[in-house]
Protein backbone atom coordinates (compact mmCIF):
# COMPACT_ATOMS: atom_id res chain seq x y z
CA MET A 1 -51.67 -60.05 37.25
CA ARG A 2 -50.90 -56.57 35.95
CA THR A 3 -50.76 -57.40 32.28
CA LYS A 4 -52.32 -54.25 30.89
CA PRO A 5 -49.64 -51.81 32.10
CA VAL A 6 -46.95 -54.16 30.82
CA ILE A 7 -48.65 -54.46 27.46
CA GLY A 8 -48.97 -50.67 27.32
CA ILE A 9 -45.27 -50.17 28.01
CA MET A 10 -44.33 -52.76 25.38
CA ALA A 11 -46.60 -51.11 22.82
CA PHE A 12 -45.04 -47.72 23.51
CA ALA A 13 -41.57 -49.21 23.17
CA LEU A 14 -42.51 -50.79 19.82
CA VAL A 15 -43.79 -47.47 18.57
CA CYS A 16 -40.53 -45.78 19.55
CA LEU A 17 -38.47 -48.51 17.92
CA SER A 18 -40.48 -48.29 14.75
CA PHE A 19 -39.90 -44.51 14.66
CA PHE A 20 -36.13 -44.93 14.84
CA ALA A 21 -36.22 -47.81 12.42
CA TYR A 22 -37.97 -45.77 9.75
CA ALA A 23 -36.14 -42.39 10.32
CA ASN A 24 -34.42 -41.07 7.19
CA GLN A 25 -31.60 -38.55 6.81
CA ALA A 26 -30.19 -36.59 3.89
CA THR A 27 -27.09 -34.36 3.96
CA THR A 28 -26.17 -31.23 2.03
CA THR A 29 -22.62 -30.00 1.65
CA MET A 30 -22.50 -26.22 1.77
CA THR A 31 -19.41 -24.40 0.46
CA TRP A 32 -18.32 -20.84 0.96
CA TYR A 33 -16.12 -19.94 -2.02
CA VAL A 34 -13.81 -16.97 -2.54
CA PRO A 35 -13.06 -16.73 -6.26
CA SER A 36 -9.94 -14.61 -5.87
CA VAL A 37 -7.47 -13.30 -3.32
CA LYS A 38 -5.83 -9.89 -3.49
CA SER A 39 -2.31 -9.69 -2.12
CA HIS A 40 0.86 -7.75 -2.86
CA SER A 41 4.39 -7.41 -1.57
CA ILE A 42 7.09 -4.72 -1.62
CA ALA A 43 10.80 -5.05 -2.38
CA TYR A 44 12.95 -2.02 -1.56
CA GLY A 45 15.80 -0.57 -3.57
CA GLY A 46 19.34 -0.67 -2.25
CA THR A 47 19.51 -1.12 1.51
CA CYS A 48 16.27 0.71 2.26
CA SER A 49 13.48 -1.15 4.05
CA SER A 50 10.07 -0.61 5.62
CA THR A 51 11.83 1.02 8.60
CA ALA A 52 14.76 2.62 6.74
CA PHE A 53 13.40 5.00 4.12
CA PHE A 54 14.76 8.48 4.79
CA PHE A 55 14.65 11.81 3.00
CA PRO A 56 17.48 13.81 4.62
CA GLU A 57 17.85 17.40 3.49
CA SER A 58 21.57 16.93 2.96
CA ALA A 59 20.82 14.56 0.06
CA ALA A 60 18.66 17.06 -1.84
CA THR A 61 19.57 17.89 -5.40
CA LEU A 62 18.07 21.36 -4.96
CA ASP A 63 18.78 23.55 -1.92
CA ASN A 64 20.53 21.11 0.43
CA ASP A 65 21.96 23.79 2.72
CA GLY A 66 20.16 22.75 5.91
CA ASP A 67 17.61 25.56 6.13
CA GLY A 68 14.46 23.42 6.08
CA ASN A 69 13.72 23.91 2.38
CA ALA A 70 14.81 21.34 -0.19
CA SER A 71 13.64 19.47 -3.29
CA GLN A 72 14.48 16.28 -5.15
CA ILE A 73 15.57 14.18 -2.18
CA LEU A 74 16.00 10.54 -3.22
CA PRO A 75 15.19 7.90 -0.58
CA GLN A 76 18.24 7.03 1.53
CA ASN A 77 19.03 4.19 3.93
CA ASP A 78 19.70 6.49 6.91
CA ARG A 79 19.63 10.08 8.16
CA ASP A 80 23.24 10.60 7.08
CA ALA A 81 22.41 9.82 3.44
CA THR A 82 24.99 7.02 3.37
CA VAL A 83 23.45 5.21 0.39
CA ALA A 84 20.70 6.26 -2.00
CA CYS A 85 18.09 3.56 -2.59
CA GLN A 86 17.00 4.90 -5.97
CA SER A 87 18.73 5.78 -9.24
CA ASP A 88 18.35 5.45 -12.99
CA ALA A 89 19.07 1.73 -12.51
CA VAL A 90 17.30 1.11 -9.17
CA ALA A 91 13.68 1.70 -8.14
CA GLY A 92 12.79 2.85 -4.66
CA MET A 93 10.13 0.13 -4.47
CA THR A 94 9.01 -2.78 -6.59
CA ILE A 95 5.42 -3.91 -6.08
CA THR A 96 4.54 -7.55 -6.87
CA ASN A 97 1.01 -8.89 -7.26
CA ASN A 98 1.00 -12.10 -5.19
CA GLY A 99 -2.73 -12.61 -5.47
CA THR A 100 -4.88 -14.71 -7.75
CA THR A 101 -6.44 -11.90 -9.77
CA THR A 102 -5.50 -8.67 -11.50
CA THR A 103 -5.61 -5.78 -9.04
CA ASN A 104 -5.11 -2.06 -8.61
CA ILE A 105 -2.60 -0.71 -6.12
CA ASP A 106 -3.53 2.38 -4.14
CA ALA A 107 -1.78 4.29 -1.39
CA ASN A 108 -2.25 6.82 1.37
CA PHE A 109 -0.72 7.90 4.66
CA ALA A 110 -2.10 6.51 7.90
CA ALA A 111 -2.26 10.01 9.40
CA ALA A 112 -1.87 13.58 8.23
CA MET A 113 1.64 14.65 7.27
CA ASP A 114 3.45 17.56 8.87
CA ALA A 115 2.91 20.88 7.11
CA ASN A 116 5.28 21.52 4.18
CA VAL A 117 6.57 17.93 4.10
CA TRP A 118 5.73 16.47 0.68
CA LEU A 119 6.20 13.15 -1.10
CA LYS A 120 6.21 12.72 -4.87
CA VAL A 121 5.56 9.29 -6.42
CA TRP A 122 5.84 8.16 -10.04
CA LYS A 123 6.24 4.95 -12.01
CA GLY A 124 9.61 3.37 -12.75
CA ASP A 125 10.61 2.58 -16.33
CA ASP A 126 11.32 -1.12 -15.58
CA SER A 127 15.03 -0.36 -15.35
CA GLY A 128 14.93 2.23 -12.61
CA CYS A 129 13.58 5.72 -12.01
CA GLY A 130 14.80 7.70 -14.98
CA THR A 131 17.55 10.26 -15.30
CA ASP A 132 19.44 10.59 -12.00
CA GLY A 133 16.61 8.63 -10.38
CA LEU A 134 14.30 11.62 -10.85
CA GLY A 135 12.75 10.90 -14.22
CA GLY A 136 9.16 11.52 -13.16
CA TRP A 137 9.76 14.49 -10.85
CA GLU A 138 7.58 17.56 -11.39
CA LEU A 139 7.50 20.81 -9.43
CA ILE A 140 3.76 20.29 -9.01
CA CYS A 141 2.73 16.75 -9.90
CA SER A 142 0.31 16.64 -12.82
CA VAL A 143 -1.70 13.55 -11.76
CA SER A 144 -4.34 14.68 -9.31
CA SER A 145 -7.28 12.31 -9.90
CA THR A 146 -7.59 9.63 -7.22
CA THR A 147 -8.44 7.03 -9.88
CA ASP A 148 -5.62 7.78 -12.36
CA PRO A 149 -2.29 5.96 -11.94
CA VAL A 150 1.12 7.58 -12.00
CA THR A 151 3.33 7.28 -15.09
CA THR A 152 7.04 7.42 -15.82
CA SER A 153 6.78 11.14 -16.56
CA ALA A 154 3.89 12.24 -14.33
CA CYS A 155 3.81 12.00 -10.53
CA LYS A 156 1.36 12.39 -7.65
CA ASP A 157 1.89 14.67 -4.68
CA PHE A 158 1.18 13.61 -1.09
CA ASN A 159 1.08 16.44 1.45
CA ALA A 160 -0.77 17.70 4.49
CA GLY A 161 -3.82 18.48 2.38
CA ASN A 162 -4.42 15.05 0.84
CA ALA A 163 -2.18 12.52 2.60
CA THR A 164 -4.86 10.32 4.14
CA ALA A 165 -7.05 9.99 1.04
CA GLY A 166 -6.61 6.74 -0.88
CA THR A 167 -5.33 7.31 -4.41
CA ARG A 168 -4.44 5.07 -7.35
CA LEU A 169 -0.78 4.38 -8.16
CA ILE A 170 -0.99 1.28 -10.36
CA THR A 171 -3.90 0.13 -12.51
CA SER A 172 -4.53 -3.51 -13.44
CA LEU A 173 -1.40 -5.18 -12.12
CA GLU A 174 -1.62 -8.76 -13.33
CA MET A 175 -0.92 -11.90 -11.29
CA ASN A 176 2.79 -12.33 -10.55
CA ASP A 177 3.57 -9.10 -12.38
CA THR A 178 5.68 -6.29 -10.92
CA ASN A 179 5.65 -2.52 -11.14
CA GLN A 180 8.30 -0.07 -9.98
CA LEU A 181 7.53 3.01 -7.90
CA CYS A 182 9.85 5.98 -7.52
CA PHE A 183 9.97 8.72 -4.89
CA SER A 184 11.21 12.17 -4.08
CA GLY A 185 10.98 13.82 -0.67
CA GLU A 186 10.37 17.56 -0.49
CA LEU A 187 10.76 20.16 2.26
CA ARG A 188 8.94 23.19 0.98
CA ASP A 189 7.16 26.22 2.29
CA ALA A 190 3.65 27.07 1.23
CA TYR A 191 5.02 29.29 -1.56
CA LEU A 192 7.49 26.81 -3.09
CA HIS A 193 10.70 28.28 -1.65
CA GLN A 194 9.90 31.92 -2.31
CA PHE A 195 9.96 32.64 1.42
CA PRO A 196 12.19 31.58 4.35
CA ALA A 197 12.40 28.02 5.62
CA ARG A 198 9.20 26.54 7.05
CA VAL A 199 10.13 22.98 8.13
CA ALA A 200 11.62 22.62 11.61
CA ALA A 201 14.74 20.60 12.39
CA GLY A 202 14.43 16.95 13.42
CA ASP A 203 12.47 13.91 12.25
CA HIS A 204 9.13 14.29 10.50
CA ASN A 205 7.68 10.79 10.40
CA ALA A 206 4.76 9.48 8.37
CA THR A 207 3.50 5.95 7.73
CA TRP A 208 2.80 5.28 4.05
CA GLN A 209 0.61 2.31 3.19
CA THR A 210 -0.18 0.56 -0.09
CA SER A 211 -3.40 -1.36 -0.50
CA THR A 212 -5.64 -3.28 -2.87
CA ASP A 213 -8.75 -2.22 -0.96
CA PHE A 214 -9.53 1.27 -2.19
CA SER A 215 -10.54 0.24 -5.71
């Protein structure tokens, strides 16, 4: 009889069974935690929107004669300047902090702007954008630091020289709080209207983006 091989197999099986019988396991729950989320949303004044935010020369307060130079153009809902989306009682944009922590709001343009096309941005006064919707307008905006926010009386300029650089607009916007932003479009030559028109006829498009990521 071949008892030894059988006994060997049985012994090996017992060893294996004893291994499984005495195996021990312990588990550890690992958690990846994000303490806060930064998020914001934009509400537009009047009937403007993310795709209807125009600065037609015909709506300019200064020099609206169709020569390619103009200043103090409030945002409009179309090229024909049918309805202004900003006034002393309406802000061009209202930014809301939808996140779970206080945040800064910065902005820039996705690509360089056309030469002599400018945008001015300042803070609303919680009721609108100041006198005639132009309360914070300055010939040359006085806030130039990329880490200083705009105020109700001091704006920031965006133009071909600085458009793509991220710059602060709102500092420490609290959860669920809102802040108004106001705008003026400008069509100006390099010498602030002292020389003939410099901006060609037609659309001059630029994509403006707000973010919580720069700071």
